[in-house]
Amino acid sequence: MVATTSKTKTKRAMKYEYRAVYLTLAGKNLDPEKISKMLDIAPDSRGKLGELCGRSRKRKQGYWTLEGGPPSRQIETQMKHISNRIDPVKQKLRNLIKEDRTIERAYVTIALEPPKGIANACYCFGAELINRFTSIGVDIALSIYMVEELERVVGNKGQN
């Protein structure tokens, strides 16, 4: 992505404050070890119903997650990284999502915070890249974090 300033007409690369991509299979009774064994892929993170998450909170569902890599990578690169990991087992994964009743949700989360000082940010993901996930029955969840706006709104409420 490139932004152009109107006064100087110079271009600069926009830097995201936060960006991450995750592929997650989740469900109350999901067993992450079973998913790993069936796909022969170790998850980057996983959890079972009832396990502790934090000091006293217990998980309310099981999950199995692949991560796109470090936040320094572009969103598209992270998506391709996950897609490349699942490509060899794409048909198995498609069948698993369709047939395994313990998988209640299968989704790719694309989470990012736009660059500071940008009023209008536009994100475009190619159909071919999105199709790599949707063709196997995975939904796409886009989370945009507007930290500066959130701080402004919360800060104003505190002043009333």
Protein backbone atom coordinates (compact mmCIF):
# COMPACT_ATOMS: atom_id res chain seq x y z
CA MET A 1 0.00 0.00 0.00
CA VAL A 2 1.22 3.47 -0.78
CA ALA A 3 -0.11 6.84 0.39
CA THR A 4 0.42 10.16 -1.36
CA THR A 5 0.55 13.43 0.53
CA SER A 6 -1.16 16.32 -1.25
CA LYS A 7 1.40 19.03 -0.34
CA THR A 8 4.63 17.27 -1.23
CA LYS A 9 3.36 14.61 -3.62
CA THR A 10 5.85 12.21 -2.06
CA LYS A 11 4.99 8.58 -1.58
CA ARG A 12 5.60 6.58 1.55
CA ALA A 13 4.82 3.02 2.49
CA MET A 14 2.01 2.80 5.05
CA LYS A 15 2.88 0.83 8.15
CA TYR A 16 0.23 -1.13 10.01
CA GLU A 17 0.28 -0.90 13.78
CA TYR A 18 -1.07 -4.43 14.10
CA ARG A 19 -1.79 -7.20 11.61
CA ALA A 20 -2.40 -10.91 11.98
CA VAL A 21 -4.08 -13.79 10.15
CA TYR A 22 -5.35 -16.96 11.82
CA LEU A 23 -7.17 -20.04 10.56
CA THR A 24 -9.29 -21.45 13.37
CA LEU A 25 -11.49 -24.49 13.79
CA ALA A 26 -13.60 -24.21 16.92
CA GLY A 27 -16.40 -25.98 18.74
CA LYS A 28 -17.53 -26.81 22.23
CA ASN A 29 -16.47 -30.45 21.94
CA LEU A 30 -13.65 -30.01 19.42
CA ASP A 31 -10.58 -32.14 20.17
CA PRO A 32 -7.49 -30.38 18.76
CA GLU A 33 -5.37 -33.55 18.94
CA LYS A 34 -7.91 -35.35 16.73
CA ILE A 35 -7.75 -32.52 14.16
CA SER A 36 -3.94 -32.57 14.18
CA LYS A 37 -3.86 -36.34 13.73
CA MET A 38 -6.41 -36.34 10.90
CA LEU A 39 -4.64 -33.54 8.99
CA ASP A 40 -1.09 -34.44 10.03
CA ILE A 41 -0.51 -30.76 10.80
CA ALA A 42 0.51 -29.46 14.23
CA PRO A 43 -1.39 -26.28 15.17
CA ASP A 44 0.36 -23.11 16.29
CA SER A 45 -2.07 -22.95 19.20
CA ARG A 46 -4.83 -25.16 20.50
CA GLY A 47 -7.06 -25.68 23.49
CA LYS A 48 -9.68 -28.06 24.85
CA LEU A 49 -12.97 -27.41 26.58
CA GLY A 50 -12.37 -27.00 30.31
CA GLU A 51 -8.63 -26.27 30.15
CA LEU A 52 -7.40 -23.30 32.12
CA CYS A 53 -6.77 -20.15 30.11
CA GLY A 54 -5.37 -17.66 32.53
CA ARG A 55 -5.29 -18.08 36.27
CA SER A 56 -8.86 -19.15 36.92
CA ARG A 57 -10.86 -19.03 33.68
CA LYS A 58 -11.66 -22.27 31.89
CA ARG A 59 -12.07 -22.61 28.14
CA LYS A 60 -15.66 -22.70 26.97
CA GLN A 61 -14.77 -24.48 23.73
CA GLY A 62 -12.03 -26.35 21.95
CA TYR A 63 -10.02 -24.75 19.17
CA TRP A 64 -7.25 -25.54 16.68
CA THR A 65 -5.39 -22.60 15.07
CA LEU A 66 -2.77 -21.98 12.40
CA GLU A 67 -1.05 -18.57 12.40
CA GLY A 68 0.09 -16.56 9.40
CA GLY A 69 3.45 -15.68 10.88
CA PRO A 70 4.96 -12.58 12.46
CA PRO A 71 3.01 -9.29 12.36
CA SER A 72 5.79 -7.75 10.25
CA ARG A 73 4.50 -9.78 7.27
CA GLN A 74 1.89 -8.31 4.94
CA ILE A 75 -1.66 -9.65 5.36
CA GLU A 76 -1.56 -11.32 1.93
CA THR A 77 1.75 -13.03 2.79
CA GLN A 78 0.30 -14.36 6.04
CA MET A 79 -2.77 -15.66 4.20
CA LYS A 80 -0.58 -17.39 1.60
CA HIS A 81 1.55 -18.91 4.36
CA ILE A 82 -1.50 -20.55 5.94
CA SER A 83 -2.89 -21.58 2.55
CA ASN A 84 0.42 -23.21 1.61
CA ARG A 85 0.40 -25.18 4.87
CA ILE A 86 -3.07 -26.58 4.24
CA ASP A 87 -2.78 -27.10 0.46
CA PRO A 88 -1.53 -30.72 0.74
CA VAL A 89 -4.58 -31.64 2.87
CA LYS A 90 -7.15 -29.30 1.33
CA GLN A 91 -9.62 -32.07 0.42
CA LYS A 92 -9.25 -33.72 3.85
CA LEU A 93 -9.84 -30.37 5.55
CA ARG A 94 -12.88 -29.62 3.37
CA ASN A 95 -14.40 -33.02 4.28
CA LEU A 96 -13.53 -32.60 7.94
CA ILE A 97 -15.22 -29.18 8.14
CA LYS A 98 -18.28 -30.55 6.35
CA GLU A 99 -18.63 -33.84 8.25
CA ASP A 100 -17.14 -33.44 11.75
CA ARG A 101 -19.98 -32.25 14.02
CA THR A 102 -17.51 -31.09 16.69
CA ILE A 103 -16.36 -28.31 14.33
CA GLU A 104 -18.99 -25.63 14.88
CA ARG A 105 -17.05 -22.82 13.20
CA ALA A 106 -14.20 -22.68 10.68
CA TYR A 107 -12.90 -19.21 9.88
CA VAL A 108 -9.94 -17.09 8.89
CA THR A 109 -9.50 -14.00 11.02
CA ILE A 110 -7.81 -11.04 9.33
CA ALA A 111 -7.05 -8.56 12.10
CA LEU A 112 -5.38 -5.22 11.55
CA GLU A 113 -5.06 -1.67 12.76
CA PRO A 114 -4.76 0.90 9.96
CA PRO A 115 -1.77 3.24 9.93
CA LYS A 116 -2.01 6.17 12.34
CA GLY A 117 -3.31 9.38 10.80
CA ILE A 118 -5.11 7.69 7.92
CA ALA A 119 -8.79 8.69 7.79
CA ASN A 120 -9.84 6.29 5.03
CA ALA A 121 -8.09 2.97 4.73
CA CYS A 122 -8.98 0.59 1.91
CA TYR A 123 -8.21 -3.11 1.95
CA CYS A 124 -8.61 -5.28 -1.11
CA PHE A 125 -7.96 -9.01 -1.08
CA GLY A 126 -7.90 -10.81 -4.41
CA ALA A 127 -10.69 -13.25 -5.17
CA GLU A 128 -8.19 -16.05 -5.80
CA LEU A 129 -6.63 -15.60 -2.36
CA ILE A 130 -10.01 -15.45 -0.59
CA ASN A 131 -11.22 -18.45 -2.63
CA ARG A 132 -8.34 -20.55 -1.25
CA PHE A 133 -10.24 -20.50 2.06
CA THR A 134 -13.88 -20.15 1.11
CA SER A 135 -13.63 -23.09 -1.31
CA ILE A 136 -13.01 -25.41 1.65
CA GLY A 137 -15.87 -24.00 3.70
CA VAL A 138 -13.98 -21.45 5.78
CA ASP A 139 -15.57 -18.08 6.54
CA ILE A 140 -13.59 -14.83 6.52
CA ALA A 141 -13.74 -12.57 9.60
CA LEU A 142 -12.27 -9.08 9.20
CA SER A 143 -11.40 -7.24 12.42
CA ILE A 144 -10.29 -3.63 12.08
CA TYR A 145 -8.87 -2.02 15.20
CA MET A 146 -9.25 1.74 15.32
CA VAL A 147 -7.23 2.37 18.48
CA GLU A 148 -6.96 6.16 18.11
CA GLU A 149 -10.72 6.50 17.57
CA LEU A 150 -11.48 4.17 20.46
CA GLU A 151 -9.20 6.18 22.76
CA ARG A 152 -10.92 9.41 21.66
CA VAL A 153 -14.44 8.07 22.28
CA VAL A 154 -13.58 6.42 25.59
CA GLY A 155 -11.61 9.51 26.67
CA ASN A 156 -14.58 11.82 25.94
CA LYS A 157 -16.98 9.61 27.88
CA GLY A 158 -14.71 9.81 30.88
CA GLN A 159 -14.78 13.63 30.74
CA ASN A 160 -18.59 13.90 30.87
